[in-house]
Amino acid sequence: MNKLIQADGVVKDIKPANGKTYSLKELQEFVGGYIELVSLPDNLIMLVNEEGYNENLPPNNRVRLIFNKQIVGNAVVCPRDFLD
């Protein structure tokens, strides 16, 4: 599972540019800034914009419905081992 869950509710399948692991730069582009890791069950992680609340990003209601987590802005959900 490698998904970009946008704040507007759109969910997109994503892949690392190198086909193996995501670079920090890629992840920052997905979330629009510095990243913060949020642990999820089943060896998954969610990456969000660390400064999303300070930047007044919109709430991500899709993430709230799926994972019962209150976040703002875009989120990347992937297996823990997909990080570089």
PDB file of N, CA and C in Angstrom:
ATOM      1  N   MET A   1       0.850  -1.184   0.000  1.00  0.00           N
ATOM      2  CA  MET A   1       0.000   0.000   0.000  1.00  0.00           C
ATOM      3  C   MET A   1       0.888   1.236   0.000  1.00  0.00           C
ATOM      4  N   ASN A   2       0.885   1.967  -1.064  1.00  0.00           N
ATOM      5  CA  ASN A   2       1.578   3.249  -1.168  1.00  0.00           C
ATOM      6  C   ASN A   2       0.571   4.244  -1.699  1.00  0.00           C
ATOM      7  N   LYS A   3       0.044   5.048  -0.809  1.00  0.00           N
ATOM      8  CA  LYS A   3      -1.043   5.946  -1.174  1.00  0.00           C
ATOM      9  C   LYS A   3      -0.726   7.375  -0.763  1.00  0.00           C
ATOM     10  N   LEU A   4      -1.137   8.296  -1.605  1.00  0.00           N
ATOM     11  CA  LEU A   4      -1.174   9.702  -1.261  1.00  0.00           C
ATOM     12  C   LEU A   4      -2.639  10.024  -1.012  1.00  0.00           C
ATOM     13  N   ILE A   5      -2.953  10.414   0.225  1.00  0.00           N
ATOM     14  CA  ILE A   5      -4.322  10.787   0.575  1.00  0.00           C
ATOM     15  C   ILE A   5      -4.338  12.304   0.693  1.00  0.00           C
ATOM     16  N   GLN A   6      -4.899  12.945  -0.313  1.00  0.00           N
ATOM     17  CA  GLN A   6      -4.902  14.401  -0.361  1.00  0.00           C
ATOM     18  C   GLN A   6      -5.973  14.963   0.564  1.00  0.00           C
ATOM     19  N   ALA A   7      -5.766  16.183   1.005  1.00  0.00           N
ATOM     20  CA  ALA A   7      -6.717  16.840   1.909  1.00  0.00           C
ATOM     21  C   ALA A   7      -8.088  17.004   1.268  1.00  0.00           C
ATOM     22  N   ASP A   8      -8.145  17.050  -0.059  1.00  0.00           N
ATOM     23  CA  ASP A   8      -9.438  17.191  -0.744  1.00  0.00           C
ATOM     24  C   ASP A   8     -10.170  15.858  -0.893  1.00  0.00           C
ATOM     25  N   GLY A   9      -9.595  14.774  -0.347  1.00  0.00           N
ATOM     26  CA  GLY A   9     -10.243  13.470  -0.370  1.00  0.00           C
ATOM     27  C   GLY A   9      -9.800  12.550  -1.493  1.00  0.00           C
ATOM     28  N   VAL A  10      -9.036  13.062  -2.443  1.00  0.00           N
ATOM     29  CA  VAL A  10      -8.547  12.237  -3.548  1.00  0.00           C
ATOM     30  C   VAL A  10      -7.445  11.313  -3.031  1.00  0.00           C
ATOM     31  N   VAL A  11      -7.522  10.041  -3.425  1.00  0.00           N
ATOM     32  CA  VAL A  11      -6.512   9.048  -3.041  1.00  0.00           C
ATOM     33  C   VAL A  11      -5.821   8.584  -4.319  1.00  0.00           C
ATOM     34  N   LYS A  12      -4.489   8.632  -4.304  1.00  0.00           N
ATOM     35  CA  LYS A  12      -3.707   8.239  -5.481  1.00  0.00           C
ATOM     36  C   LYS A  12      -2.697   7.165  -5.099  1.00  0.00           C
ATOM     37  N   ASP A  13      -2.507   6.190  -5.981  1.00  0.00           N
ATOM     38  CA  ASP A  13      -1.414   5.242  -5.829  1.00  0.00           C
ATOM     39  C   ASP A  13      -0.123   5.957  -6.198  1.00  0.00           C
ATOM     40  N   ILE A  14       0.914   5.745  -5.418  1.00  0.00           N
ATOM     41  CA  ILE A  14       2.202   6.373  -5.697  1.00  0.00           C
ATOM     42  C   ILE A  14       3.302   5.319  -5.631  1.00  0.00           C
ATOM     43  N   LYS A  15       4.414   5.615  -6.296  1.00  0.00           N
ATOM     44  CA  LYS A  15       5.581   4.736  -6.283  1.00  0.00           C
ATOM     45  C   LYS A  15       6.827   5.586  -6.097  1.00  0.00           C
ATOM     46  N   PRO A  16       7.832   5.048  -5.423  1.00  0.00           N
ATOM     47  CA  PRO A  16       9.103   5.775  -5.313  1.00  0.00           C
ATOM     48  C   PRO A  16       9.734   5.954  -6.699  1.00  0.00           C
ATOM     49  N   ALA A  17      10.382   7.062  -6.907  1.00  0.00           N
ATOM     50  CA  ALA A  17      11.001   7.344  -8.202  1.00  0.00           C
ATOM     51  C   ALA A  17      12.021   6.273  -8.583  1.00  0.00           C
ATOM     52  N   ASN A  18      12.754   5.758  -7.582  1.00  0.00           N
ATOM     53  CA  ASN A  18      13.771   4.742  -7.880  1.00  0.00           C
ATOM     54  C   ASN A  18      13.202   3.329  -7.845  1.00  0.00           C
ATOM     55  N   GLY A  19      11.907   3.195  -7.562  1.00  0.00           N
ATOM     56  CA  GLY A  19      11.265   1.893  -7.550  1.00  0.00           C
ATOM     57  C   GLY A  19      11.439   1.096  -6.269  1.00  0.00           C
ATOM     58  N   LYS A  20      12.234   1.603  -5.332  1.00  0.00           N
ATOM     59  CA  LYS A  20      12.512   0.851  -4.108  1.00  0.00           C
ATOM     60  C   LYS A  20      12.082   1.579  -2.844  1.00  0.00           C
ATOM     61  N   THR A  21      12.673   2.749  -2.611  1.00  0.00           N
ATOM     62  CA  THR A  21      12.390   3.510  -1.396  1.00  0.00           C
ATOM     63  C   THR A  21      12.195   4.978  -1.741  1.00  0.00           C
ATOM     64  N   TYR A  22      11.432   5.667  -0.917  1.00  0.00           N
ATOM     65  CA  TYR A  22      11.197   7.096  -1.121  1.00  0.00           C
ATOM     66  C   TYR A  22      12.372   7.903  -0.589  1.00  0.00           C
ATOM     67  N   SER A  23      12.719   8.963  -1.308  1.00  0.00           N
ATOM     68  CA  SER A  23      13.711   9.907  -0.808  1.00  0.00           C
ATOM     69  C   SER A  23      12.993  10.941   0.057  1.00  0.00           C
ATOM     70  N   LEU A  24      13.738  11.609   0.901  1.00  0.00           N
ATOM     71  CA  LEU A  24      13.180  12.664   1.731  1.00  0.00           C
ATOM     72  C   LEU A  24      12.545  13.745   0.857  1.00  0.00           C
ATOM     73  N   LYS A  25      13.222  14.110  -0.210  1.00  0.00           N
ATOM     74  CA  LYS A  25      12.718  15.150  -1.112  1.00  0.00           C
ATOM     75  C   LYS A  25      11.359  14.757  -1.701  1.00  0.00           C
ATOM     76  N   GLU A  26      11.219  13.510  -2.138  1.00  0.00           N
ATOM     77  CA  GLU A  26       9.942  13.044  -2.682  1.00  0.00           C
ATOM     78  C   GLU A  26       8.825  13.183  -1.650  1.00  0.00           C
ATOM     79  N   LEU A  27       9.093  12.728  -0.441  1.00  0.00           N
ATOM     80  CA  LEU A  27       8.083  12.762   0.613  1.00  0.00           C
ATOM     81  C   LEU A  27       7.696  14.195   0.950  1.00  0.00           C
ATOM     82  N   GLN A  28       8.675  15.085   1.006  1.00  0.00           N
ATOM     83  CA  GLN A  28       8.387  16.487   1.293  1.00  0.00           C
ATOM     84  C   GLN A  28       7.530  17.108   0.191  1.00  0.00           C
ATOM     85  N   GLU A  29       7.745  16.709  -1.039  1.00  0.00           N
ATOM     86  CA  GLU A  29       6.919  17.216  -2.140  1.00  0.00           C
ATOM     87  C   GLU A  29       5.479  16.725  -2.013  1.00  0.00           C
ATOM     88  N   PHE A  30       5.297  15.481  -1.612  1.00  0.00           N
ATOM     89  CA  PHE A  30       3.943  14.937  -1.446  1.00  0.00           C
ATOM     90  C   PHE A  30       3.160  15.692  -0.375  1.00  0.00           C
ATOM     91  N   VAL A  31       3.807  16.004   0.752  1.00  0.00           N
ATOM     92  CA  VAL A  31       3.081  16.634   1.864  1.00  0.00           C
ATOM     93  C   VAL A  31       3.232  18.150   1.890  1.00  0.00           C
ATOM     94  N   GLY A  32       4.088  18.699   1.060  1.00  0.00           N
ATOM     95  CA  GLY A  32       4.220  20.142   0.958  1.00  0.00           C
ATOM     96  C   GLY A  32       5.052  20.788   2.039  1.00  0.00           C
ATOM     97  N   GLY A  33       6.042  20.081   2.545  1.00  0.00           N
ATOM     98  CA  GLY A  33       6.910  20.667   3.566  1.00  0.00           C
ATOM     99  C   GLY A  33       7.648  19.596   4.342  1.00  0.00           C
ATOM    100  N   TYR A  34       8.161  20.004   5.513  1.00  0.00           N
ATOM    101  CA  TYR A  34       8.864  19.049   6.374  1.00  0.00           C
ATOM    102  C   TYR A  34       7.916  17.942   6.793  1.00  0.00           C
ATOM    103  N   ILE A  35       8.461  16.721   6.938  1.00  0.00           N
ATOM    104  CA  ILE A  35       7.594  15.589   7.244  1.00  0.00           C
ATOM    105  C   ILE A  35       7.641  15.207   8.717  1.00  0.00           C
ATOM    106  N   GLU A  36       6.519  14.667   9.148  1.00  0.00           N
ATOM    107  CA  GLU A  36       6.379  14.096  10.482  1.00  0.00           C
ATOM    108  C   GLU A  36       5.815  12.693  10.295  1.00  0.00           C
ATOM    109  N   LEU A  37       6.371  11.716  11.016  1.00  0.00           N
ATOM    110  CA  LEU A  37       5.904  10.339  10.920  1.00  0.00           C
ATOM    111  C   LEU A  37       4.838  10.053  11.956  1.00  0.00           C
ATOM    112  N   VAL A  38       3.801   9.345  11.522  1.00  0.00           N
ATOM    113  CA  VAL A  38       2.725   8.904  12.401  1.00  0.00           C
ATOM    114  C   VAL A  38       2.641   7.391  12.264  1.00  0.00           C
ATOM    115  N   SER A  39       2.796   6.678  13.372  1.00  0.00           N
ATOM    116  CA  SER A  39       2.724   5.216  13.329  1.00  0.00           C
ATOM    117  C   SER A  39       1.285   4.756  13.125  1.00  0.00           C
ATOM    118  N   LEU A  40       1.149   3.700  12.318  1.00  0.00           N
ATOM    119  CA  LEU A  40      -0.137   3.074  12.072  1.00  0.00           C
ATOM    120  C   LEU A  40       0.002   1.579  12.328  1.00  0.00           C
ATOM    121  N   PRO A  41      -1.101   0.869  12.479  1.00  0.00           N
ATOM    122  CA  PRO A  41      -1.014  -0.585  12.669  1.00  0.00           C
ATOM    123  C   PRO A  41      -0.474  -1.291  11.424  1.00  0.00           C
ATOM    124  N   ASP A  42      -0.150  -2.557  11.576  1.00  0.00           N
ATOM    125  CA  ASP A  42       0.253  -3.432  10.466  1.00  0.00           C
ATOM    126  C   ASP A  42       1.504  -2.972   9.740  1.00  0.00           C
ATOM    127  N   ASN A  43       2.479  -2.452  10.482  1.00  0.00           N
ATOM    128  CA  ASN A  43       3.763  -2.031   9.925  1.00  0.00           C
ATOM    129  C   ASN A  43       3.628  -0.925   8.880  1.00  0.00           C
ATOM    130  N   LEU A  44       2.593  -0.104   8.998  1.00  0.00           N
ATOM    131  CA  LEU A  44       2.407   1.041   8.111  1.00  0.00           C
ATOM    132  C   LEU A  44       2.800   2.317   8.834  1.00  0.00           C
ATOM    133  N   ILE A  45       3.177   3.299   8.055  1.00  0.00           N
ATOM    134  CA  ILE A  45       3.422   4.632   8.594  1.00  0.00           C
ATOM    135  C   ILE A  45       2.682   5.651   7.735  1.00  0.00           C
ATOM    136  N   MET A  46       2.406   6.774   8.344  1.00  0.00           N
ATOM    137  CA  MET A  46       1.797   7.890   7.632  1.00  0.00           C
ATOM    138  C   MET A  46       2.730   9.077   7.796  1.00  0.00           C
ATOM    139  N   LEU A  47       2.965   9.767   6.693  1.00  0.00           N
ATOM    140  CA  LEU A  47       3.815  10.951   6.719  1.00  0.00           C
ATOM    141  C   LEU A  47       2.950  12.153   6.406  1.00  0.00           C
ATOM    142  N   VAL A  48       3.080  13.182   7.224  1.00  0.00           N
ATOM    143  CA  VAL A  48       2.267  14.394   7.085  1.00  0.00           C
ATOM    144  C   VAL A  48       3.171  15.611   7.165  1.00  0.00           C
ATOM    145  N   ASN A  49       2.622  16.765   6.853  1.00  0.00           N
ATOM    146  CA  ASN A  49       3.354  18.020   6.947  1.00  0.00           C
ATOM    147  C   ASN A  49       3.511  18.393   8.414  1.00  0.00           C
ATOM    148  N   GLU A  50       4.742  18.471   8.867  1.00  0.00           N
ATOM    149  CA  GLU A  50       5.055  18.761  10.267  1.00  0.00           C
ATOM    150  C   GLU A  50       4.479  20.101  10.732  1.00  0.00           C
ATOM    151  N   GLU A  51       4.376  21.054   9.830  1.00  0.00           N
ATOM    152  CA  GLU A  51       3.904  22.390  10.182  1.00  0.00           C
ATOM    153  C   GLU A  51       2.493  22.664   9.656  1.00  0.00           C
ATOM    154  N   GLY A  52       1.763  21.595   9.368  1.00  0.00           N
ATOM    155  CA  GLY A  52       0.449  21.724   8.770  1.00  0.00           C
ATOM    156  C   GLY A  52      -0.526  22.578   9.567  1.00  0.00           C
ATOM    157  N   TYR A  53      -0.526  22.419  10.888  1.00  0.00           N
ATOM    158  CA  TYR A  53      -1.439  23.224  11.713  1.00  0.00           C
ATOM    159  C   TYR A  53      -1.012  24.691  11.714  1.00  0.00           C
ATOM    160  N   ASN A  54       0.285  24.951  11.785  1.00  0.00           N
ATOM    161  CA  ASN A  54       0.784  26.332  11.751  1.00  0.00           C
ATOM    162  C   ASN A  54       0.494  27.003  10.407  1.00  0.00           C
ATOM    163  N   GLU A  55       0.469  26.204   9.348  1.00  0.00           N
ATOM    164  CA  GLU A  55       0.209  26.733   8.013  1.00  0.00           C
ATOM    165  C   GLU A  55      -1.285  26.741   7.675  1.00  0.00           C
ATOM    166  N   ASN A  56      -2.116  26.379   8.648  1.00  0.00           N
ATOM    167  CA  ASN A  56      -3.575  26.345   8.469  1.00  0.00           C
ATOM    168  C   ASN A  56      -4.009  25.505   7.271  1.00  0.00           C
ATOM    169  N   LEU A  57      -3.379  24.336   7.108  1.00  0.00           N
ATOM    170  CA  LEU A  57      -3.784  23.433   6.041  1.00  0.00           C
ATOM    171  C   LEU A  57      -5.170  22.865   6.360  1.00  0.00           C
ATOM    172  N   PRO A  58      -5.921  22.501   5.334  1.00  0.00           N
ATOM    173  CA  PRO A  58      -7.275  21.976   5.570  1.00  0.00           C
ATOM    174  C   PRO A  58      -7.228  20.601   6.224  1.00  0.00           C
ATOM    175  N   PRO A  59      -8.261  20.261   6.998  1.00  0.00           N
ATOM    176  CA  PRO A  59      -8.305  18.941   7.618  1.00  0.00           C
ATOM    177  C   PRO A  59      -8.398  17.846   6.553  1.00  0.00           C
ATOM    178  N   ASN A  60      -7.809  16.705   6.857  1.00  0.00           N
ATOM    179  CA  ASN A  60      -7.864  15.568   5.953  1.00  0.00           C
ATOM    180  C   ASN A  60      -8.901  14.594   6.503  1.00  0.00           C
ATOM    181  N   ASN A  61     -10.137  14.763   6.067  1.00  0.00           N
ATOM    182  CA  ASN A  61     -11.241  13.955   6.572  1.00  0.00           C
ATOM    183  C   ASN A  61     -11.158  12.498   6.132  1.00  0.00           C
ATOM    184  N   ARG A  62     -10.568  12.235   4.988  1.00  0.00           N
ATOM    185  CA  ARG A  62     -10.424  10.854   4.521  1.00  0.00           C
ATOM    186  C   ARG A  62      -9.524  10.076   5.469  1.00  0.00           C
ATOM    187  N   VAL A  63      -8.421  10.679   5.909  1.00  0.00           N
ATOM    188  CA  VAL A  63      -7.530  10.025   6.874  1.00  0.00           C
ATOM    189  C   VAL A  63      -8.278   9.782   8.182  1.00  0.00           C
ATOM    190  N   ARG A  64      -9.067  10.743   8.607  1.00  0.00           N
ATOM    191  CA  ARG A  64      -9.827  10.585   9.852  1.00  0.00           C
ATOM    192  C   ARG A  64     -10.774   9.395   9.756  1.00  0.00           C
ATOM    193  N   LEU A  65     -11.443   9.252   8.613  1.00  0.00           N
ATOM    194  CA  LEU A  65     -12.382   8.152   8.429  1.00  0.00           C
ATOM    195  C   LEU A  65     -11.683   6.788   8.351  1.00  0.00           C
ATOM    196  N   ILE A  66     -10.565   6.725   7.664  1.00  0.00           N
ATOM    197  CA  ILE A  66      -9.867   5.452   7.465  1.00  0.00           C
ATOM    198  C   ILE A  66      -9.075   5.034   8.698  1.00  0.00           C
ATOM    199  N   PHE A  67      -8.310   5.980   9.276  1.00  0.00           N
ATOM    200  CA  PHE A  67      -7.362   5.639  10.331  1.00  0.00           C
ATOM    201  C   PHE A  67      -7.701   6.220  11.698  1.00  0.00           C
ATOM    202  N   ASN A  68      -8.778   6.979  11.784  1.00  0.00           N
ATOM    203  CA  ASN A  68      -9.174   7.620  13.036  1.00  0.00           C
ATOM    204  C   ASN A  68      -8.051   8.506  13.600  1.00  0.00           C
ATOM    205  N   LYS A  69      -7.401   9.254  12.705  1.00  0.00           N
ATOM    206  CA  LYS A  69      -6.331  10.189  13.071  1.00  0.00           C
ATOM    207  C   LYS A  69      -6.726  11.576  12.587  1.00  0.00           C
ATOM    208  N   GLN A  70      -6.550  12.574  13.439  1.00  0.00           N
ATOM    209  CA  GLN A  70      -6.827  13.963  13.082  1.00  0.00           C
ATOM    210  C   GLN A  70      -5.549  14.579  12.519  1.00  0.00           C
ATOM    211  N   ILE A  71      -5.508  14.798  11.211  1.00  0.00           N
ATOM    212  CA  ILE A  71      -4.362  15.470  10.603  1.00  0.00           C
ATOM    213  C   ILE A  71      -4.873  16.535   9.643  1.00  0.00           C
ATOM    214  N   VAL A  72      -3.966  17.369   9.205  1.00  0.00           N
ATOM    215  CA  VAL A  72      -4.290  18.379   8.196  1.00  0.00           C
ATOM    216  C   VAL A  72      -3.347  18.204   7.014  1.00  0.00           C
ATOM    217  N   GLY A  73      -3.825  18.603   5.841  1.00  0.00           N
ATOM    218  CA  GLY A  73      -3.001  18.517   4.641  1.00  0.00           C
ATOM    219  C   GLY A  73      -2.951  17.108   4.076  1.00  0.00           C
ATOM    220  N   ASN A  74      -2.049  16.933   3.128  1.00  0.00           N
ATOM    221  CA  ASN A  74      -1.877  15.641   2.466  1.00  0.00           C
ATOM    222  C   ASN A  74      -1.160  14.660   3.380  1.00  0.00           C
ATOM    223  N   ALA A  75      -1.371  13.366   3.121  1.00  0.00           N
ATOM    224  CA  ALA A  75      -0.710  12.315   3.881  1.00  0.00           C
ATOM    225  C   ALA A  75      -0.240  11.222   2.926  1.00  0.00           C
ATOM    226  N   VAL A  76       0.929  10.682   3.207  1.00  0.00           N
ATOM    227  CA  VAL A  76       1.448   9.524   2.492  1.00  0.00           C
ATOM    228  C   VAL A  76       1.349   8.336   3.438  1.00  0.00           C
ATOM    229  N   VAL A  77       0.767   7.245   2.960  1.00  0.00           N
ATOM    230  CA  VAL A  77       0.686   6.017   3.750  1.00  0.00           C
ATOM    231  C   VAL A  77       1.452   4.944   2.995  1.00  0.00           C
ATOM    232  N   CYS A  78       2.402   4.317   3.697  1.00  0.00           N
ATOM    233  CA  CYS A  78       3.211   3.291   3.056  1.00  0.00           C
ATOM    234  C   CYS A  78       3.760   2.334   4.114  1.00  0.00           C
ATOM    235  N   PRO A  79       4.256   1.163   3.670  1.00  0.00           N
ATOM    236  CA  PRO A  79       4.919   0.278   4.616  1.00  0.00           C
ATOM    237  C   PRO A  79       6.177   0.942   5.164  1.00  0.00           C
ATOM    238  N   ARG A  80       6.493   0.645   6.378  1.00  0.00           N
ATOM    239  CA  ARG A  80       7.659   1.239   7.046  1.00  0.00           C
ATOM    240  C   ARG A  80       8.940   1.018   6.245  1.00  0.00           C
ATOM    241  N   ASP A  81       9.092  -0.117   5.584  1.00  0.00           N
ATOM    242  CA  ASP A  81      10.342  -0.425   4.878  1.00  0.00           C
ATOM    243  C   ASP A  81      10.487   0.285   3.528  1.00  0.00           C
ATOM    244  N   PHE A  82       9.536   1.128   3.139  1.00  0.00           N
ATOM    245  CA  PHE A  82       9.657   1.887   1.894  1.00  0.00           C
ATOM    246  C   PHE A  82      10.427   3.183   2.069  1.00  0.00           C
ATOM    247  N   LEU A  83      10.842   3.483   3.286  1.00  0.00           N
ATOM    248  CA  LEU A  83      11.622   4.704   3.520  1.00  0.00           C
ATOM    249  C   LEU A  83      13.085   4.440   3.231  1.00  0.00           C
ATOM    250  N   ASP A  84      13.771   5.469   2.765  1.00  0.00           N
ATOM    251  CA  ASP A  84      15.197   5.383   2.424  1.00  0.00           C
ATOM    252  C   ASP A  84      16.045   5.461   3.672  1.00  0.00           C
TER     253      ASP A  84
END
